[in-house]
């Protein structure tokens, strides 16, 4: 996801309502999120679908890494040689 441009990527709800199509096009073209505000406070974010999917994949990967770290810290790891042996045995089948 590209870095936000504050003066272009934060819009009030009233402006968003009147120009939804142009803001959807902006988000698609720039790949930057659009922050929607109401009474000066952020209330929503509009993202390009591809950028959202990429973000979800990154989150899932980070969650998998955190799970792995927790498992290793709990002593549930497998040594490299044991893992290698198990993989080779599965390949022989």
PDB file of N, CA and C in Angstrom:
ATOM      1  N   UNK A   1       0.851  -1.169   0.000  1.00  0.00           N
ATOM      2  CA  UNK A   1       0.000   0.000   0.000  1.00  0.00           C
ATOM      3  C   UNK A   1       0.900   1.236   0.000  1.00  0.00           C
ATOM      4  N   UNK A   2       0.554   2.167  -0.799  1.00  0.00           N
ATOM      5  CA  UNK A   2       1.348   3.389  -0.894  1.00  0.00           C
ATOM      6  C   UNK A   2       1.059   4.319   0.267  1.00  0.00           C
ATOM      7  N   UNK A   3       2.019   5.181   0.556  1.00  0.00           N
ATOM      8  CA  UNK A   3       1.889   6.139   1.650  1.00  0.00           C
ATOM      9  C   UNK A   3       0.827   7.181   1.319  1.00  0.00           C
ATOM     10  N   UNK A   4       0.057   7.529   2.326  1.00  0.00           N
ATOM     11  CA  UNK A   4      -1.021   8.514   2.159  1.00  0.00           C
ATOM     12  C   UNK A   4      -0.474   9.905   1.857  1.00  0.00           C
ATOM     13  N   UNK A   5      -1.261  10.671   1.111  1.00  0.00           N
ATOM     14  CA  UNK A   5      -1.016  12.086   0.882  1.00  0.00           C
ATOM     15  C   UNK A   5      -2.145  12.795   1.627  1.00  0.00           C
ATOM     16  N   UNK A   6      -1.817  13.384   2.763  1.00  0.00           N
ATOM     17  CA  UNK A   6      -2.817  13.896   3.701  1.00  0.00           C
ATOM     18  C   UNK A   6      -3.851  14.798   3.037  1.00  0.00           C
ATOM     19  N   UNK A   7      -3.415  15.761   2.245  1.00  0.00           N
ATOM     20  CA  UNK A   7      -4.377  16.700   1.662  1.00  0.00           C
ATOM     21  C   UNK A   7      -5.266  16.066   0.595  1.00  0.00           C
ATOM     22  N   UNK A   8      -4.900  14.898   0.087  1.00  0.00           N
ATOM     23  CA  UNK A   8      -5.710  14.231  -0.933  1.00  0.00           C
ATOM     24  C   UNK A   8      -6.484  13.028  -0.397  1.00  0.00           C
ATOM     25  N   UNK A   9      -6.015  12.437   0.675  1.00  0.00           N
ATOM     26  CA  UNK A   9      -6.540  11.138   1.105  1.00  0.00           C
ATOM     27  C   UNK A   9      -7.358  11.165   2.390  1.00  0.00           C
ATOM     28  N   UNK A  10      -7.715  12.335   2.850  1.00  0.00           N
ATOM     29  CA  UNK A  10      -8.633  12.468   3.989  1.00  0.00           C
ATOM     30  C   UNK A  10      -9.757  13.391   3.539  1.00  0.00           C
ATOM     31  N   UNK A  11     -10.983  12.864   3.562  1.00  0.00           N
ATOM     32  CA  UNK A  11     -12.131  13.626   3.074  1.00  0.00           C
ATOM     33  C   UNK A  11     -13.297  13.529   4.045  1.00  0.00           C
ATOM     34  N   UNK A  12     -14.052  14.615   4.190  1.00  0.00           N
ATOM     35  CA  UNK A  12     -15.238  14.561   5.054  1.00  0.00           C
ATOM     36  C   UNK A  12     -16.347  13.731   4.406  1.00  0.00           C
ATOM     37  N   UNK A  13     -17.198  13.174   5.236  1.00  0.00           N
ATOM     38  CA  UNK A  13     -18.306  12.335   4.782  1.00  0.00           C
ATOM     39  C   UNK A  13     -19.166  13.057   3.747  1.00  0.00           C
ATOM     40  N   UNK A  14     -19.453  14.339   3.974  1.00  0.00           N
ATOM     41  CA  UNK A  14     -20.321  15.091   3.047  1.00  0.00           C
ATOM     42  C   UNK A  14     -19.693  15.142   1.654  1.00  0.00           C
ATOM     43  N   UNK A  15     -18.402  15.353   1.582  1.00  0.00           N
ATOM     44  CA  UNK A  15     -17.711  15.390   0.291  1.00  0.00           C
ATOM     45  C   UNK A  15     -17.672  13.993  -0.327  1.00  0.00           C
ATOM     46  N   UNK A  16     -17.472  12.978   0.498  1.00  0.00           N
ATOM     47  CA  UNK A  16     -17.450  11.598   0.013  1.00  0.00           C
ATOM     48  C   UNK A  16     -18.800  11.213  -0.592  1.00  0.00           C
ATOM     49  N   UNK A  17     -19.888  11.560   0.113  1.00  0.00           N
ATOM     50  CA  UNK A  17     -21.242  11.235  -0.369  1.00  0.00           C
ATOM     51  C   UNK A  17     -21.503  11.820  -1.763  1.00  0.00           C
ATOM     52  N   UNK A  18     -21.052  13.041  -1.966  1.00  0.00           N
ATOM     53  CA  UNK A  18     -21.358  13.710  -3.238  1.00  0.00           C
ATOM     54  C   UNK A  18     -20.427  13.284  -4.370  1.00  0.00           C
ATOM     55  N   UNK A  19     -19.335  12.590  -4.047  1.00  0.00           N
ATOM     56  CA  UNK A  19     -18.397  12.203  -5.106  1.00  0.00           C
ATOM     57  C   UNK A  19     -17.886  10.790  -4.983  1.00  0.00           C
ATOM     58  N   UNK A  20     -18.757   9.870  -4.586  1.00  0.00           N
ATOM     59  CA  UNK A  20     -18.342   8.486  -4.337  1.00  0.00           C
ATOM     60  C   UNK A  20     -17.572   7.906  -5.517  1.00  0.00           C
ATOM     61  N   UNK A  21     -18.108   8.029  -6.717  1.00  0.00           N
ATOM     62  CA  UNK A  21     -17.466   7.414  -7.887  1.00  0.00           C
ATOM     63  C   UNK A  21     -16.051   7.941  -8.105  1.00  0.00           C
ATOM     64  N   UNK A  22     -15.873   9.234  -7.948  1.00  0.00           N
ATOM     65  CA  UNK A  22     -14.536   9.805  -8.169  1.00  0.00           C
ATOM     66  C   UNK A  22     -13.555   9.338  -7.090  1.00  0.00           C
ATOM     67  N   UNK A  23     -14.047   9.157  -5.866  1.00  0.00           N
ATOM     68  CA  UNK A  23     -13.159   8.686  -4.797  1.00  0.00           C
ATOM     69  C   UNK A  23     -12.807   7.208  -4.969  1.00  0.00           C
ATOM     70  N   UNK A  24     -13.761   6.418  -5.448  1.00  0.00           N
ATOM     71  CA  UNK A  24     -13.464   5.009  -5.741  1.00  0.00           C
ATOM     72  C   UNK A  24     -12.405   4.938  -6.837  1.00  0.00           C
ATOM     73  N   UNK A  25     -12.541   5.761  -7.858  1.00  0.00           N
ATOM     74  CA  UNK A  25     -11.546   5.795  -8.935  1.00  0.00           C
ATOM     75  C   UNK A  25     -10.190   6.246  -8.404  1.00  0.00           C
ATOM     76  N   UNK A  26     -10.172   7.247  -7.541  1.00  0.00           N
ATOM     77  CA  UNK A  26      -8.921   7.738  -6.957  1.00  0.00           C
ATOM     78  C   UNK A  26      -8.211   6.614  -6.204  1.00  0.00           C
ATOM     79  N   UNK A  27      -8.954   5.890  -5.378  1.00  0.00           N
ATOM     80  CA  UNK A  27      -8.369   4.806  -4.579  1.00  0.00           C
ATOM     81  C   UNK A  27      -7.839   3.708  -5.501  1.00  0.00           C
ATOM     82  N   UNK A  28      -8.595   3.390  -6.536  1.00  0.00           N
ATOM     83  CA  UNK A  28      -8.165   2.362  -7.485  1.00  0.00           C
ATOM     84  C   UNK A  28      -6.896   2.794  -8.223  1.00  0.00           C
ATOM     85  N   UNK A  29      -6.862   4.033  -8.682  1.00  0.00           N
ATOM     86  CA  UNK A  29      -5.731   4.528  -9.469  1.00  0.00           C
ATOM     87  C   UNK A  29      -4.468   4.724  -8.637  1.00  0.00           C
ATOM     88  N   UNK A  30      -4.621   5.256  -7.434  1.00  0.00           N
ATOM     89  CA  UNK A  30      -3.446   5.588  -6.615  1.00  0.00           C
ATOM     90  C   UNK A  30      -2.993   4.441  -5.721  1.00  0.00           C
ATOM     91  N   UNK A  31      -3.883   3.480  -5.467  1.00  0.00           N
ATOM     92  CA  UNK A  31      -3.618   2.370  -4.540  1.00  0.00           C
ATOM     93  C   UNK A  31      -3.391   2.863  -3.107  1.00  0.00           C
ATOM     94  N   UNK A  32      -3.828   4.100  -2.827  1.00  0.00           N
ATOM     95  CA  UNK A  32      -3.732   4.651  -1.481  1.00  0.00           C
ATOM     96  C   UNK A  32      -5.104   4.600  -0.831  1.00  0.00           C
ATOM     97  N   UNK A  33      -5.163   4.390   0.484  1.00  0.00           N
ATOM     98  CA  UNK A  33      -6.460   4.393   1.164  1.00  0.00           C
ATOM     99  C   UNK A  33      -7.024   5.808   1.259  1.00  0.00           C
ATOM    100  N   UNK A  34      -8.327   5.885   1.401  1.00  0.00           N
ATOM    101  CA  UNK A  34      -9.006   7.167   1.599  1.00  0.00           C
ATOM    102  C   UNK A  34      -9.646   7.126   2.976  1.00  0.00           C
ATOM    103  N   UNK A  35      -9.283   8.072   3.818  1.00  0.00           N
ATOM    104  CA  UNK A  35      -9.856   8.179   5.161  1.00  0.00           C
ATOM    105  C   UNK A  35     -11.084   9.076   5.069  1.00  0.00           C
ATOM    106  N   UNK A  36     -12.199   8.593   5.594  1.00  0.00           N
ATOM    107  CA  UNK A  36     -13.441   9.359   5.590  1.00  0.00           C
ATOM    108  C   UNK A  36     -13.690   9.852   7.009  1.00  0.00           C
ATOM    109  N   UNK A  37     -13.940  11.153   7.132  1.00  0.00           N
ATOM    110  CA  UNK A  37     -14.140  11.745   8.454  1.00  0.00           C
ATOM    111  C   UNK A  37     -15.575  12.235   8.609  1.00  0.00           C
ATOM    112  N   UNK A  38     -15.985  12.328   9.863  1.00  0.00           N
ATOM    113  CA  UNK A  38     -17.286  12.905  10.206  1.00  0.00           C
ATOM    114  C   UNK A  38     -17.079  13.714  11.475  1.00  0.00           C
ATOM    115  N   UNK A  39     -17.425  14.963  11.420  1.00  0.00           N
ATOM    116  CA  UNK A  39     -17.212  15.886  12.548  1.00  0.00           C
ATOM    117  C   UNK A  39     -15.733  15.916  12.949  1.00  0.00           C
ATOM    118  N   UNK A  40     -14.845  15.828  11.944  1.00  0.00           N
ATOM    119  CA  UNK A  40     -13.415  15.941  12.182  1.00  0.00           C
ATOM    120  C   UNK A  40     -12.728  14.684  12.697  1.00  0.00           C
ATOM    121  N   UNK A  41     -13.450  13.594  12.801  1.00  0.00           N
ATOM    122  CA  UNK A  41     -12.863  12.349  13.301  1.00  0.00           C
ATOM    123  C   UNK A  41     -12.998  11.256  12.252  1.00  0.00           C
ATOM    124  N   UNK A  42     -11.995  10.402  12.155  1.00  0.00           N
ATOM    125  CA  UNK A  42     -12.023   9.305  11.203  1.00  0.00           C
ATOM    126  C   UNK A  42     -13.138   8.320  11.523  1.00  0.00           C
ATOM    127  N   UNK A  43     -13.945   7.965  10.500  1.00  0.00           N
ATOM    128  CA  UNK A  43     -15.037   7.011  10.700  1.00  0.00           C
ATOM    129  C   UNK A  43     -14.972   5.837   9.728  1.00  0.00           C
ATOM    130  N   UNK A  44     -14.127   5.928   8.700  1.00  0.00           N
ATOM    131  CA  UNK A  44     -14.051   4.836   7.744  1.00  0.00           C
ATOM    132  C   UNK A  44     -12.842   4.965   6.852  1.00  0.00           C
ATOM    133  N   UNK A  45     -12.534   3.848   6.183  1.00  0.00           N
ATOM    134  CA  UNK A  45     -11.416   3.802   5.253  1.00  0.00           C
ATOM    135  C   UNK A  45     -11.887   3.096   3.988  1.00  0.00           C
ATOM    136  N   UNK A  46     -11.594   3.671   2.845  1.00  0.00           N
ATOM    137  CA  UNK A  46     -11.898   3.051   1.564  1.00  0.00           C
ATOM    138  C   UNK A  46     -10.576   2.557   0.978  1.00  0.00           C
ATOM    139  N   UNK A  47     -10.536   1.242   0.659  1.00  0.00           N
ATOM    140  CA  UNK A  47      -9.326   0.631   0.116  1.00  0.00           C
ATOM    141  C   UNK A  47      -9.603  -0.003  -1.231  1.00  0.00           C
ATOM    142  N   UNK A  48      -8.589  -0.038  -2.076  1.00  0.00           N
ATOM    143  CA  UNK A  48      -8.645  -0.801  -3.311  1.00  0.00           C
ATOM    144  C   UNK A  48      -8.704  -2.286  -2.952  1.00  0.00           C
ATOM    145  N   UNK A  49      -9.478  -3.061  -3.670  1.00  0.00           N
ATOM    146  CA  UNK A  49      -9.653  -4.482  -3.366  1.00  0.00           C
ATOM    147  C   UNK A  49      -8.316  -5.225  -3.382  1.00  0.00           C
ATOM    148  N   UNK A  50      -7.503  -4.986  -4.381  1.00  0.00           N
ATOM    149  CA  UNK A  50      -6.199  -5.647  -4.460  1.00  0.00           C
ATOM    150  C   UNK A  50      -5.320  -5.305  -3.270  1.00  0.00           C
ATOM    151  N   UNK A  51      -5.339  -4.053  -2.859  1.00  0.00           N
ATOM    152  CA  UNK A  51      -4.550  -3.627  -1.701  1.00  0.00           C
ATOM    153  C   UNK A  51      -5.077  -4.277  -0.422  1.00  0.00           C
ATOM    154  N   UNK A  52      -6.403  -4.387  -0.315  1.00  0.00           N
ATOM    155  CA  UNK A  52      -7.009  -5.035   0.852  1.00  0.00           C
ATOM    156  C   UNK A  52      -6.601  -6.503   0.916  1.00  0.00           C
ATOM    157  N   UNK A  53      -6.670  -7.198  -0.215  1.00  0.00           N
ATOM    158  CA  UNK A  53      -6.285  -8.611  -0.250  1.00  0.00           C
ATOM    159  C   UNK A  53      -4.812  -8.792   0.114  1.00  0.00           C
ATOM    160  N   UNK A  54      -3.945  -7.925  -0.401  1.00  0.00           N
ATOM    161  CA  UNK A  54      -2.519  -8.003  -0.075  1.00  0.00           C
ATOM    162  C   UNK A  54      -2.298  -7.773   1.418  1.00  0.00           C
ATOM    163  N   UNK A  55      -3.044  -6.834   1.982  1.00  0.00           N
ATOM    164  CA  UNK A  55      -2.940  -6.554   3.411  1.00  0.00           C
ATOM    165  C   UNK A  55      -3.388  -7.764   4.228  1.00  0.00           C
ATOM    166  N   UNK A  56      -4.477  -8.410   3.816  1.00  0.00           N
ATOM    167  CA  UNK A  56      -4.965  -9.597   4.513  1.00  0.00           C
ATOM    168  C   UNK A  56      -3.934 -10.722   4.473  1.00  0.00           C
ATOM    169  N   UNK A  57      -3.289 -10.917   3.319  1.00  0.00           N
ATOM    170  CA  UNK A  57      -2.262 -11.950   3.191  1.00  0.00           C
ATOM    171  C   UNK A  57      -1.087 -11.668   4.128  1.00  0.00           C
ATOM    172  N   UNK A  58      -0.692 -10.412   4.228  1.00  0.00           N
ATOM    173  CA  UNK A  58       0.408 -10.039   5.116  1.00  0.00           C
ATOM    174  C   UNK A  58       0.034 -10.289   6.572  1.00  0.00           C
ATOM    175  N   UNK A  59      -1.190  -9.962   6.935  1.00  0.00           N
ATOM    176  CA  UNK A  59      -1.650 -10.187   8.309  1.00  0.00           C
ATOM    177  C   UNK A  59      -1.641 -11.677   8.630  1.00  0.00           C
ATOM    178  N   UNK A  60      -2.143 -12.502   7.698  1.00  0.00           N
ATOM    179  CA  UNK A  60      -2.148 -13.945   7.915  1.00  0.00           C
ATOM    180  C   UNK A  60      -0.735 -14.490   8.080  1.00  0.00           C
ATOM    181  N   UNK A  61       0.202 -14.011   7.260  1.00  0.00           N
ATOM    182  CA  UNK A  61       1.597 -14.440   7.371  1.00  0.00           C
ATOM    183  C   UNK A  61       2.183 -14.046   8.719  1.00  0.00           C
ATOM    184  N   UNK A  62       1.925 -12.817   9.146  1.00  0.00           N
ATOM    185  CA  UNK A  62       2.434 -12.366  10.444  1.00  0.00           C
ATOM    186  C   UNK A  62       1.830 -13.177  11.599  1.00  0.00           C
ATOM    187  N   UNK A  63       0.541 -13.542  11.479  1.00  0.00           N
ATOM    188  CA  UNK A  63      -0.083 -14.375  12.510  1.00  0.00           C
ATOM    189  C   UNK A  63       0.558 -15.757  12.543  1.00  0.00           C
ATOM    190  N   UNK A  64       0.867 -16.317  11.358  1.00  0.00           N
ATOM    191  CA  UNK A  64       1.545 -17.620  11.300  1.00  0.00           C
ATOM    192  C   UNK A  64       2.932 -17.544  11.930  1.00  0.00           C
ATOM    193  N   UNK A  65       3.646 -16.462  11.660  1.00  0.00           N
ATOM    194  CA  UNK A  65       4.978 -16.286  12.252  1.00  0.00           C
ATOM    195  C   UNK A  65       4.861 -16.190  13.766  1.00  0.00           C
ATOM    196  N   UNK A  66       3.891 -15.426  14.261  1.00  0.00           N
ATOM    197  CA  UNK A  66       3.714 -15.290  15.711  1.00  0.00           C
ATOM    198  C   UNK A  66       3.360 -16.623  16.342  1.00  0.00           C
ATOM    199  N   UNK A  67       2.516 -17.422  15.688  1.00  0.00           N
ATOM    200  CA  UNK A  67       2.171 -18.751  16.187  1.00  0.00           C
ATOM    201  C   UNK A  67       3.423 -19.617  16.263  1.00  0.00           C
ATOM    202  N   UNK A  68       4.253 -19.559  15.224  1.00  0.00           N
ATOM    203  CA  UNK A  68       5.491 -20.341  15.199  1.00  0.00           C
ATOM    204  C   UNK A  68       6.426 -19.940  16.328  1.00  0.00           C
ATOM    205  N   UNK A  69       6.556 -18.654  16.551  1.00  0.00           N
ATOM    206  CA  UNK A  69       7.425 -18.169  17.635  1.00  0.00           C
ATOM    207  C   UNK A  69       6.911 -18.664  18.976  1.00  0.00           C
ATOM    208  N   UNK A  70       5.598 -18.582  19.172  1.00  0.00           N
ATOM    209  CA  UNK A  70       5.007 -19.060  20.435  1.00  0.00           C
ATOM    210  C   UNK A  70       5.239 -20.551  20.617  1.00  0.00           C
ATOM    211  N   UNK A  71       5.100 -21.321  19.549  1.00  0.00           N
ATOM    212  CA  UNK A  71       5.328 -22.760  19.629  1.00  0.00           C
ATOM    213  C   UNK A  71       6.789 -23.069  19.962  1.00  0.00           C
ATOM    214  N   UNK A  72       7.711 -22.339  19.348  1.00  0.00           N
ATOM    215  CA  UNK A  72       9.133 -22.551  19.640  1.00  0.00           C
ATOM    216  C   UNK A  72       9.457 -22.200  21.088  1.00  0.00           C
ATOM    217  N   UNK A  73       8.898 -21.090  21.561  1.00  0.00           N
ATOM    218  CA  UNK A  73       9.132 -20.682  22.949  1.00  0.00           C
ATOM    219  C   UNK A  73       8.563 -21.684  23.941  1.00  0.00           C
ATOM    220  N   UNK A  74       7.503 -22.405  23.542  1.00  0.00           N
ATOM    221  CA  UNK A  74       6.890 -23.414  24.409  1.00  0.00           C
ATOM    222  C   UNK A  74       7.593 -24.766  24.291  1.00  0.00           C
ATOM    223  N   UNK A  75       8.650 -24.824  23.496  1.00  0.00           N
ATOM    224  CA  UNK A  75       9.398 -26.067  23.352  1.00  0.00           C
ATOM    225  C   UNK A  75       8.783 -27.051  22.384  1.00  0.00           C
ATOM    226  N   UNK A  76       7.900 -26.573  21.511  1.00  0.00           N
ATOM    227  CA  UNK A  76       7.227 -27.460  20.565  1.00  0.00           C
ATOM    228  C   UNK A  76       7.885 -27.469  19.189  1.00  0.00           C
ATOM    229  N   UNK A  77       9.131 -27.043  19.114  1.00  0.00           N
ATOM    230  CA  UNK A  77       9.829 -27.001  17.829  1.00  0.00           C
ATOM    231  C   UNK A  77      10.356 -28.363  17.422  1.00  0.00           C
ATOM    232  N   UNK A  78      10.739 -28.478  16.173  1.00  0.00           N
ATOM    233  CA  UNK A  78      11.337 -29.691  15.629  1.00  0.00           C
ATOM    234  C   UNK A  78      12.705 -29.307  15.089  1.00  0.00           C
ATOM    235  N   UNK A  79      13.705 -30.113  15.392  1.00  0.00           N
ATOM    236  CA  UNK A  79      15.051 -29.802  14.904  1.00  0.00           C
ATOM    237  C   UNK A  79      15.094 -29.898  13.386  1.00  0.00           C
ATOM    238  N   UNK A  80      16.068 -29.223  12.809  1.00  0.00           N
ATOM    239  CA  UNK A  80      16.207 -29.221  11.352  1.00  0.00           C
ATOM    240  C   UNK A  80      16.387 -30.639  10.823  1.00  0.00           C
ATOM    241  N   UNK A  81      17.246 -31.417  11.470  1.00  0.00           N
ATOM    242  CA  UNK A  81      17.510 -32.778  10.992  1.00  0.00           C
ATOM    243  C   UNK A  81      16.256 -33.649  11.076  1.00  0.00           C
ATOM    244  N   UNK A  82      15.469 -33.514  12.150  1.00  0.00           N
ATOM    245  CA  UNK A  82      14.226 -34.285  12.269  1.00  0.00           C
ATOM    246  C   UNK A  82      13.215 -33.871  11.197  1.00  0.00           C
ATOM    247  N   UNK A  83      13.113 -32.588  10.958  1.00  0.00           N
ATOM    248  CA  UNK A  83      12.176 -32.094   9.941  1.00  0.00           C
ATOM    249  C   UNK A  83      12.606 -32.571   8.561  1.00  0.00           C
ATOM    250  N   UNK A  84      13.889 -32.501   8.288  1.00  0.00           N
ATOM    251  CA  UNK A  84      14.420 -32.955   6.993  1.00  0.00           C
ATOM    252  C   UNK A  84      14.127 -34.435   6.791  1.00  0.00           C
ATOM    253  N   UNK A  85      14.381 -35.235   7.808  1.00  0.00           N
ATOM    254  CA  UNK A  85      14.151 -36.665   7.729  1.00  0.00           C
ATOM    255  C   UNK A  85      12.665 -36.962   7.472  1.00  0.00           C
ATOM    256  N   UNK A  86      11.788 -36.256   8.152  1.00  0.00           N
ATOM    257  CA  UNK A  86      10.352 -36.468   7.970  1.00  0.00           C
ATOM    258  C   UNK A  86       9.908 -36.112   6.550  1.00  0.00           C
ATOM    259  N   UNK A  87      10.421 -35.014   6.024  1.00  0.00           N
ATOM    260  CA  UNK A  87      10.072 -34.601   4.662  1.00  0.00           C
ATOM    261  C   UNK A  87      10.577 -35.630   3.662  1.00  0.00           C
ATOM    262  N   UNK A  88      11.808 -36.084   3.821  1.00  0.00           N
ATOM    263  CA  UNK A  88      12.354 -37.081   2.903  1.00  0.00           C
ATOM    264  C   UNK A  88      11.573 -38.392   2.951  1.00  0.00           C
ATOM    265  N   UNK A  89      11.143 -38.786   4.124  1.00  0.00           N
ATOM    266  CA  UNK A  89      10.346 -40.006   4.256  1.00  0.00           C
ATOM    267  C   UNK A  89       9.007 -39.855   3.528  1.00  0.00           C
ATOM    268  N   UNK A  90       8.400 -38.691   3.627  1.00  0.00           N
ATOM    269  CA  UNK A  90       7.121 -38.462   2.939  1.00  0.00           C
ATOM    270  C   UNK A  90       7.305 -38.474   1.423  1.00  0.00           C
ATOM    271  N   UNK A  91       8.450 -37.980   0.952  1.00  0.00           N
ATOM    272  CA  UNK A  91       8.701 -37.950  -0.475  1.00  0.00           C
ATOM    273  C   UNK A  91       8.919 -39.346  -1.049  1.00  0.00           C
ATOM    274  N   UNK A  92       9.444 -40.239  -0.236  1.00  0.00           N
ATOM    275  CA  UNK A  92       9.703 -41.611  -0.684  1.00  0.00           C
ATOM    276  C   UNK A  92       8.421 -42.404  -0.870  1.00  0.00           C
ATOM    277  N   UNK A  93       7.351 -42.018  -0.251  1.00  0.00           N
ATOM    278  CA  UNK A  93       6.085 -42.772  -0.338  1.00  0.00           C
ATOM    279  C   UNK A  93       5.432 -42.665  -1.655  1.00  0.00           C
TER     280      UNK A  93
END
